[in-house]
Each structure stands twice: as structure tokens, then as C-alpha cells.
């Protein structure tokens, strides 16, 4: 699906970047970046080129975050993190502004957000198995000093591996926190909200940049709550009210919304959504240990997920320009 609307960065369509990548049609426009389909000329491989929108090229923090996606891909040795194959800067043509671009592997499949829109809710066992897969990816990132800060169904991507098994990926480390971030960057983050508001932890909602793995535990808890109940645990008439509720209120129990949910599963979600980080699972490994006894037959669960996926699209396709709700 291509966008039938004018888009930013249209000037690079059809160009060859650094003599290596021929840029094709736009795939999607996000809050801060535009993604294009492209071909690597050396071998004809289909790839994705991601570049900042023009209005953000002079923002050093956004430039740094785009480059950090490449840093995460190089640093965290996990196959479920989308590979960043190359990096460069826009140059060599009239109007080129020298802003960075990333070259990512082209993947196909479907995100959890689209699945939930189509099927409504998933069984607890399916949600448990999927959340454990995501937790493994996050644990690898946490071990290398990164906190994703934007765990949500749109970023959980599923497809069929070459051997026919289910493959789960976690996308978009564009607003991740890094333990190695320079002090000036961390100072500028104080008081700012990073992440999608509906999936923010209380510490993110309060503008605290010093988050750890437990912020992602909270985000994954919201994903689980939504996947088993069909609704989000927090809502508000506007973003400010939503964030205020996340900071001040305890999350509702999923078991009160979906009454066939087992007490043990409800407890895992509730502990993941504890308002005080000290009361949450302290790591993704601890989360997985608690969830593991509740997922009996993971192969059957994988087959169930594969049966409901509509495969073939890229994650960026059909994404229209939306407000940048991830970096207030």
C-alpha cells in the first residue's frame, strides 16, 4: 500500500544514495522520520531507507536518536532486533541537507496492533507466549544498557520464518534510553515525556529520564492488558489527563474486565503494572519466570498466531503522518 498524498523528502525518490542505494517509493511517514523502499545495487537486495523529516534535521537530539537505532542494532546481538545494514548522510544533490539516514533490512509480516484490531482479543496463553518472546528481546537490550521506552503493539512484529516457525521482532528503538548517553543529553530529557502516552510507565509520564528495565516491564504489562481485555488500562480526555492518571492511579485489574482470566495470569499483569517500580518485576527474566508456568504448549500457541496473521506487508506500509506523541 502506497501513500497517495504528498510527502516530505519526495526529492530523494529515484535517487541513488552514496552510489549504493536506489530509493523507491515512500513506505510510511512517522512522527520524526520518513521510510522509503530501496534497492541495494551491489546485490539487488530490497532494503528500507529511513531519514529524518526536514523540520527535525537541526535537532541534535533527534539526529542522535536516529543514529542510536544503528548503535542498538550493532551492539545488541539478538536476531529479533531489525538489522541496520548501513548509515550515511544525504549529500551529492541539490538541496541535500547532510542529515543522516539509516539502511535497514526489509521485513514483512504483521504487527500486533493490526492483529488486535482484526480479532479483538487473544487467549491468555497466546498473550503469555508472545509476551515472553518480547521479554527475551528486551532483556538482551537491557543487558547492554538500553531501555526501549516505547513498547506497544505497533512495535511487536510477527511473521513466518523460512522454516515455517513464528518469528517475533521488536521494532523502533528510536526513543530508547541509553546508559551511555552523555550527561548533556540526559539533562535535556528531564521533564520530557518519551514514549507513546498510553503505554508510558509512571516514571516516564513524570518526565524522569533515569528509567530502567522496569519501565519496559510496565509497557509490556499494558500490551498484555490490552491484548486480553480489548482495552487500555488508562485513558484520559487529553494527553495531560492521561499522564496524570498513570502517575497517580493504580491500574485496574485485568481480571475484572475479563472474568475468565486466571488469578495467576491476572497477578502477572498486575505486578507488571505496579505504580511503584519497586513492586514490579525487576527484570524481564523475572517476568518470564513468572509467566512460564502459565504457558503450557508454546508450539501450539505459535501455530495459533501464525494462523491469524496476514503476511506480506512491511511494518511501515500504510502508516500516515501522525503527531509526534513519542517525544513531548
Protein backbone atom coordinates (compact mmCIF):
# COMPACT_ATOMS: atom_id res chain seq x y z
CA UNK A 1 0.00 0.00 0.00
CA UNK A 2 1.48 3.33 -1.03
CA UNK A 3 0.57 6.72 0.29
CA UNK A 4 -1.45 8.75 -2.18
CA UNK A 5 -0.64 12.05 -0.52
CA UNK A 6 2.25 14.49 -0.95
CA UNK A 7 5.04 13.63 1.42
CA UNK A 8 8.21 15.13 2.79
CA UNK A 9 11.55 14.02 1.37
CA UNK A 10 9.96 13.35 -2.04
CA UNK A 11 13.15 14.76 -3.59
CA UNK A 12 15.13 11.59 -2.77
CA UNK A 13 12.69 9.26 -4.56
CA UNK A 14 14.51 7.78 -7.55
CA UNK A 15 17.92 8.99 -6.39
CA UNK A 16 20.92 6.80 -5.65
CA UNK A 17 22.39 7.47 -2.20
CA UNK A 18 26.17 7.28 -1.94
CA UNK A 19 26.24 5.23 -5.14
CA UNK A 20 24.85 2.23 -3.27
CA UNK A 21 21.09 2.52 -2.66
CA UNK A 22 18.46 3.40 -5.24
CA UNK A 23 15.49 4.93 -3.42
CA UNK A 24 11.95 3.97 -4.43
CA UNK A 25 8.50 4.87 -3.10
CA UNK A 26 7.69 6.11 0.37
CA UNK A 27 6.58 3.35 2.73
CA UNK A 28 5.48 5.44 5.67
CA UNK A 29 5.76 8.74 7.48
CA UNK A 30 6.13 8.69 11.25
CA UNK A 31 6.42 11.36 13.87
CA UNK A 32 10.02 12.27 13.10
CA UNK A 33 11.11 10.18 10.10
CA UNK A 34 10.18 9.02 6.61
CA UNK A 35 10.78 5.45 5.43
CA UNK A 36 11.39 4.55 1.77
CA UNK A 37 11.71 1.29 -0.04
CA UNK A 38 15.11 0.97 -1.70
CA UNK A 39 17.36 -1.46 -3.53
CA UNK A 40 20.97 -2.19 -2.64
CA UNK A 41 22.69 -2.00 -6.02
CA UNK A 42 25.51 -4.37 -5.12
CA UNK A 43 23.22 -7.40 -4.91
CA UNK A 44 19.65 -6.26 -5.68
CA UNK A 45 18.55 -6.73 -2.07
CA UNK A 46 15.37 -4.89 -1.06
CA UNK A 47 16.02 -2.64 1.95
CA UNK A 48 14.45 0.31 3.77
CA UNK A 49 15.97 3.79 3.94
CA UNK A 50 14.93 5.84 6.96
CA UNK A 51 15.60 9.58 7.06
CA UNK A 52 14.58 12.42 9.35
CA UNK A 53 11.77 14.71 8.27
CA UNK A 54 13.19 18.11 7.16
CA UNK A 55 11.78 20.00 10.15
CA UNK A 56 13.92 17.91 12.52
CA UNK A 57 17.32 17.93 10.80
CA UNK A 58 18.61 20.74 13.04
CA UNK A 59 17.53 18.99 16.24
CA UNK A 60 20.69 17.35 17.63
CA UNK A 61 18.76 15.06 19.93
CA UNK A 62 16.64 13.64 17.11
CA UNK A 63 19.72 13.21 14.93
CA UNK A 64 21.37 11.36 17.81
CA UNK A 65 18.33 9.15 18.34
CA UNK A 66 18.23 8.13 14.69
CA UNK A 67 21.87 7.16 14.87
CA UNK A 68 21.23 5.34 18.16
CA UNK A 69 18.97 2.92 16.30
CA UNK A 70 22.05 1.87 14.38
CA UNK A 71 24.04 1.71 17.60
CA UNK A 72 21.48 -0.62 19.22
CA UNK A 73 21.43 -2.92 16.19
CA UNK A 74 25.23 -3.15 16.20
CA UNK A 75 25.53 -3.56 19.98
CA UNK A 76 22.72 -5.95 20.93
CA UNK A 77 23.32 -9.39 19.38
CA UNK A 78 19.72 -10.53 19.06
CA UNK A 79 18.13 -11.76 15.81
CA UNK A 80 14.75 -10.23 16.73
CA UNK A 81 16.12 -6.67 16.54
CA UNK A 82 15.87 -5.35 12.99
CA UNK A 83 19.31 -5.09 11.43
CA UNK A 84 20.66 -1.68 10.49
CA UNK A 85 22.76 -2.52 7.45
CA UNK A 86 24.37 0.82 6.75
CA UNK A 87 24.38 4.53 7.60
CA UNK A 88 25.11 7.67 5.64
CA UNK A 89 24.24 11.33 5.15
CA UNK A 90 22.15 12.95 2.44
CA UNK A 91 24.58 14.61 0.04
CA UNK A 92 25.53 14.98 -3.60
CA UNK A 93 22.35 16.50 -5.00
CA UNK A 94 20.80 19.99 -4.99
CA UNK A 95 19.16 20.73 -1.66
CA UNK A 96 20.84 17.85 0.20
CA UNK A 97 21.00 18.91 3.85
CA UNK A 98 23.60 16.49 5.20
CA UNK A 99 21.15 14.84 7.59
CA UNK A 100 21.71 11.18 8.46
CA UNK A 101 19.94 8.20 7.02
CA UNK A 102 19.79 4.54 8.04
CA UNK A 103 19.53 1.49 5.81
CA UNK A 104 17.51 -1.28 7.46
CA UNK A 105 16.66 -4.80 6.46
CA UNK A 106 13.28 -5.08 4.74
CA UNK A 107 10.94 -7.28 6.73
CA UNK A 108 7.40 -8.47 6.11
CA UNK A 109 4.60 -9.66 8.34
CA UNK A 110 2.07 -8.03 10.63
CA UNK A 111 2.22 -6.07 13.86
CA UNK A 112 0.23 -6.98 16.96
CA UNK A 113 -1.74 -3.73 16.69
CA UNK A 114 -3.27 -4.83 13.37
CA UNK A 115 -3.99 -8.31 14.71
CA UNK A 116 -5.85 -6.89 17.71
CA UNK A 117 -7.85 -4.53 15.51
CA UNK A 118 -8.98 -7.51 13.47
CA UNK A 119 -9.59 -10.20 16.11
CA UNK A 120 -10.34 -8.08 19.20
CA UNK A 121 -8.67 -10.10 21.95
CA UNK A 122 -6.33 -13.08 22.20
CA UNK A 123 -6.36 -16.01 24.59
CA UNK A 124 -4.25 -15.60 27.74
CA UNK A 125 -1.94 -18.43 26.70
CA UNK A 126 -1.25 -16.78 23.32
CA UNK A 127 -0.63 -13.43 25.02
CA UNK A 128 1.63 -15.06 27.59
CA UNK A 129 3.75 -16.84 25.00
CA UNK A 130 4.06 -13.73 22.85
CA UNK A 131 4.96 -11.55 25.84
CA UNK A 132 7.71 -13.97 26.82
CA UNK A 133 9.19 -13.70 23.32
CA UNK A 134 9.17 -9.90 23.58
CA UNK A 135 10.62 -10.09 27.10
CA UNK A 136 13.60 -12.07 25.77
CA UNK A 137 14.35 -9.33 23.24
CA UNK A 138 14.02 -6.61 25.84
CA UNK A 139 16.24 -8.50 28.28
CA UNK A 140 19.02 -8.55 25.66
CA UNK A 141 18.67 -4.79 25.17
CA UNK A 142 18.63 -4.15 28.92
CA UNK A 143 21.80 -6.20 29.37
CA UNK A 144 23.54 -3.79 27.00
CA UNK A 145 22.27 -0.65 28.73
CA UNK A 146 19.24 0.24 26.60
CA UNK A 147 15.64 0.77 27.74
CA UNK A 148 13.20 0.76 24.82
CA UNK A 149 10.67 3.22 26.35
CA UNK A 150 8.06 2.61 23.63
CA UNK A 151 6.85 -0.97 23.96
CA UNK A 152 3.44 -1.15 22.27
CA UNK A 153 1.52 -3.44 19.89
CA UNK A 154 2.57 -1.41 16.84
CA UNK A 155 6.21 -2.27 17.56
CA UNK A 156 5.69 -6.03 18.08
CA UNK A 157 6.03 -7.53 14.62
CA UNK A 158 5.35 -11.13 13.64
CA UNK A 159 5.98 -13.19 10.53
CA UNK A 160 6.75 -16.72 9.36
CA UNK A 161 10.41 -17.72 9.43
CA UNK A 162 11.90 -19.70 6.49
CA UNK A 163 11.47 -22.94 8.47
CA UNK A 164 7.76 -22.19 8.99
CA UNK A 165 8.03 -21.18 12.65
CA UNK A 166 6.75 -17.96 14.17
CA UNK A 167 9.25 -15.13 14.20
CA UNK A 168 8.71 -12.18 16.57
CA UNK A 169 10.60 -8.90 16.30
CA UNK A 170 10.64 -5.73 18.37
CA UNK A 171 10.87 -2.59 16.26
CA UNK A 172 11.88 1.04 16.71
CA UNK A 173 14.48 1.84 19.33
CA UNK A 174 14.23 5.48 18.26
CA UNK A 175 13.39 6.84 21.73
CA UNK A 176 15.35 4.33 23.77
CA UNK A 177 17.32 5.44 26.80
CA UNK A 178 21.00 4.57 26.86
CA UNK A 179 23.14 4.08 29.95
CA UNK A 180 25.98 5.61 27.91
CA UNK A 181 24.08 8.74 26.89
CA UNK A 182 26.13 11.90 27.56
CA UNK A 183 25.18 13.98 30.58
CA UNK A 184 24.00 16.94 28.49
CA UNK A 185 21.51 14.71 26.69
CA UNK A 186 20.18 13.32 29.95
CA UNK A 187 19.89 16.81 31.39
CA UNK A 188 17.80 17.91 28.41
CA UNK A 189 15.47 14.96 28.92
CA UNK A 190 14.44 15.99 32.44
CA UNK A 191 10.75 16.85 32.47
CA UNK A 192 10.10 15.50 28.96
CA UNK A 193 7.90 12.50 28.23
CA UNK A 194 9.38 9.85 25.96
CA UNK A 195 7.22 7.07 24.59
CA UNK A 196 3.61 6.79 23.47
CA UNK A 197 1.47 8.21 26.33
CA UNK A 198 -0.98 5.29 26.54
CA UNK A 199 1.93 2.88 27.08
CA UNK A 200 4.12 5.04 29.37
CA UNK A 201 5.24 3.96 32.80
CA UNK A 202 4.58 6.37 35.69
CA UNK A 203 8.25 7.34 35.79
CA UNK A 204 8.22 8.17 32.06
CA UNK A 205 4.93 10.06 32.47
CA UNK A 206 6.55 12.21 35.19
CA UNK A 207 9.44 13.17 32.91
CA UNK A 208 12.12 11.17 34.72
CA UNK A 209 14.93 10.26 32.27
CA UNK A 210 16.55 7.81 34.72
CA UNK A 211 14.43 4.79 33.81
CA UNK A 212 15.50 1.17 33.89
CA UNK A 213 14.18 -2.22 32.76
CA UNK A 214 11.10 -1.83 34.95
CA UNK A 215 9.77 0.92 32.67
CA UNK A 216 9.66 -1.63 29.83
CA UNK A 217 8.05 -4.18 32.19
CA UNK A 218 5.23 -1.65 32.67
CA UNK A 219 4.91 -1.09 28.92
CA UNK A 220 4.72 -4.83 28.30
CA UNK A 221 2.10 -5.08 31.05
CA UNK A 222 -0.07 -2.56 29.21
CA UNK A 223 0.32 -4.56 25.99
CA UNK A 224 -0.80 -7.73 27.81
CA UNK A 225 -3.74 -5.95 29.45
CA UNK A 226 -4.89 -4.64 26.07
CA UNK A 227 -4.41 -7.97 24.29
CA UNK A 228 -6.52 -9.95 26.76
CA UNK A 229 -9.21 -7.35 27.50
CA UNK A 230 -9.51 -5.36 24.29
CA UNK A 231 -8.95 -2.04 26.03
CA UNK A 232 -6.21 0.03 27.60
CA UNK A 233 -5.88 0.27 31.40
CA UNK A 234 -5.64 4.08 31.35
CA UNK A 235 -7.50 6.71 29.34
CA UNK A 236 -7.90 10.48 29.50
CA UNK A 237 -9.68 13.33 27.76
CA UNK A 238 -6.28 14.61 26.63
CA UNK A 239 -2.63 13.64 26.94
CA UNK A 240 -2.07 15.66 30.13
CA UNK A 241 -5.02 13.98 31.89
CA UNK A 242 -3.89 10.57 30.68
CA UNK A 243 -0.37 11.06 32.02
CA UNK A 244 -1.74 12.40 35.31
CA UNK A 245 -3.83 9.24 35.76
CA UNK A 246 -0.87 7.00 35.02
CA UNK A 247 1.19 8.82 37.65
CA UNK A 248 -1.48 8.98 40.36
CA UNK A 249 -3.71 5.94 39.92
CA UNK A 250 -3.24 2.19 40.22
CA UNK A 251 -4.01 0.21 37.09
CA UNK A 252 -7.31 -1.70 37.13
CA UNK A 253 -7.20 -5.47 37.38
CA UNK A 254 -7.48 -7.20 34.02
CA UNK A 255 -9.46 -9.97 35.72
CA UNK A 256 -12.27 -7.54 36.49
CA UNK A 257 -12.59 -6.80 32.77
CA UNK A 258 -12.12 -10.38 31.52
CA UNK A 259 -13.59 -12.63 34.14
CA UNK A 260 -12.36 -15.93 32.65
CA UNK A 261 -8.76 -14.79 33.26
CA UNK A 262 -6.99 -16.99 35.79
CA UNK A 263 -5.92 -15.40 39.05
CA UNK A 264 -2.28 -16.31 38.32
CA UNK A 265 -2.31 -14.57 34.92
CA UNK A 266 -4.10 -11.57 36.39
CA UNK A 267 -1.41 -11.37 39.07
CA UNK A 268 1.41 -11.29 36.48
CA UNK A 269 -0.25 -8.40 34.67
CA UNK A 270 -0.98 -6.59 37.95
CA UNK A 271 2.60 -6.89 39.15
CA UNK A 272 3.89 -5.69 35.76
CA UNK A 273 1.62 -2.65 36.11
CA UNK A 274 2.52 -1.77 39.69
CA UNK A 275 2.74 2.01 40.02
CA UNK A 276 5.88 1.83 42.19
CA UNK A 277 8.80 0.33 40.20
CA UNK A 278 9.95 -1.45 43.38
CA UNK A 279 6.76 -3.52 43.27
CA UNK A 280 7.20 -4.64 39.65
CA UNK A 281 9.25 -7.50 38.26
CA UNK A 282 12.80 -6.18 38.50
CA UNK A 283 13.83 -7.65 35.14
CA UNK A 284 12.42 -9.30 32.05
CA UNK A 285 13.97 -12.56 33.18
CA UNK A 286 11.98 -12.39 36.43
CA UNK A 287 8.86 -11.60 34.41
CA UNK A 288 9.42 -14.64 32.17
CA UNK A 289 9.96 -16.92 35.17
CA UNK A 290 6.56 -15.88 36.50
CA UNK A 291 4.82 -16.26 33.14
CA UNK A 292 6.41 -19.54 32.06
CA UNK A 293 4.21 -21.93 34.14
CA UNK A 294 1.11 -20.31 32.59
CA UNK A 295 2.12 -21.15 29.01
CA UNK A 296 1.92 -24.90 28.56
CA UNK A 297 2.22 -25.59 24.82
CA UNK A 298 4.23 -22.88 23.08
CA UNK A 299 4.31 -24.67 19.71
CA UNK A 300 0.54 -24.76 19.56
CA UNK A 301 0.43 -21.10 20.56
CA UNK A 302 2.86 -20.23 17.76
CA UNK A 303 0.70 -22.08 15.24
CA UNK A 304 -2.36 -20.21 16.52
CA UNK A 305 -0.67 -16.86 15.99
CA UNK A 306 0.55 -17.83 12.52
CA UNK A 307 -3.00 -18.82 11.58
CA UNK A 308 -4.34 -15.31 12.27
CA UNK A 309 -1.52 -13.32 10.67
CA UNK A 310 -1.93 -11.61 7.34
CA UNK A 311 1.58 -11.81 5.97
CA UNK A 312 3.24 -9.79 3.24
CA UNK A 313 3.21 -6.13 4.28
CA UNK A 314 6.16 -4.16 5.60
CA UNK A 315 5.73 -2.58 9.04
CA UNK A 316 5.93 0.93 7.59
CA UNK A 317 3.42 0.43 4.77
CA UNK A 318 0.23 2.41 5.08
CA UNK A 319 1.47 4.48 8.03
CA UNK A 320 0.33 8.04 7.51
CA UNK A 321 1.80 11.13 9.03
CA UNK A 322 0.85 11.31 12.69
CA UNK A 323 1.66 13.72 15.50
CA UNK A 324 4.92 13.09 17.30
CA UNK A 325 3.41 11.77 20.51
CA UNK A 326 6.60 9.98 21.49
CA UNK A 327 8.75 12.92 22.44
CA UNK A 328 6.95 15.72 24.25
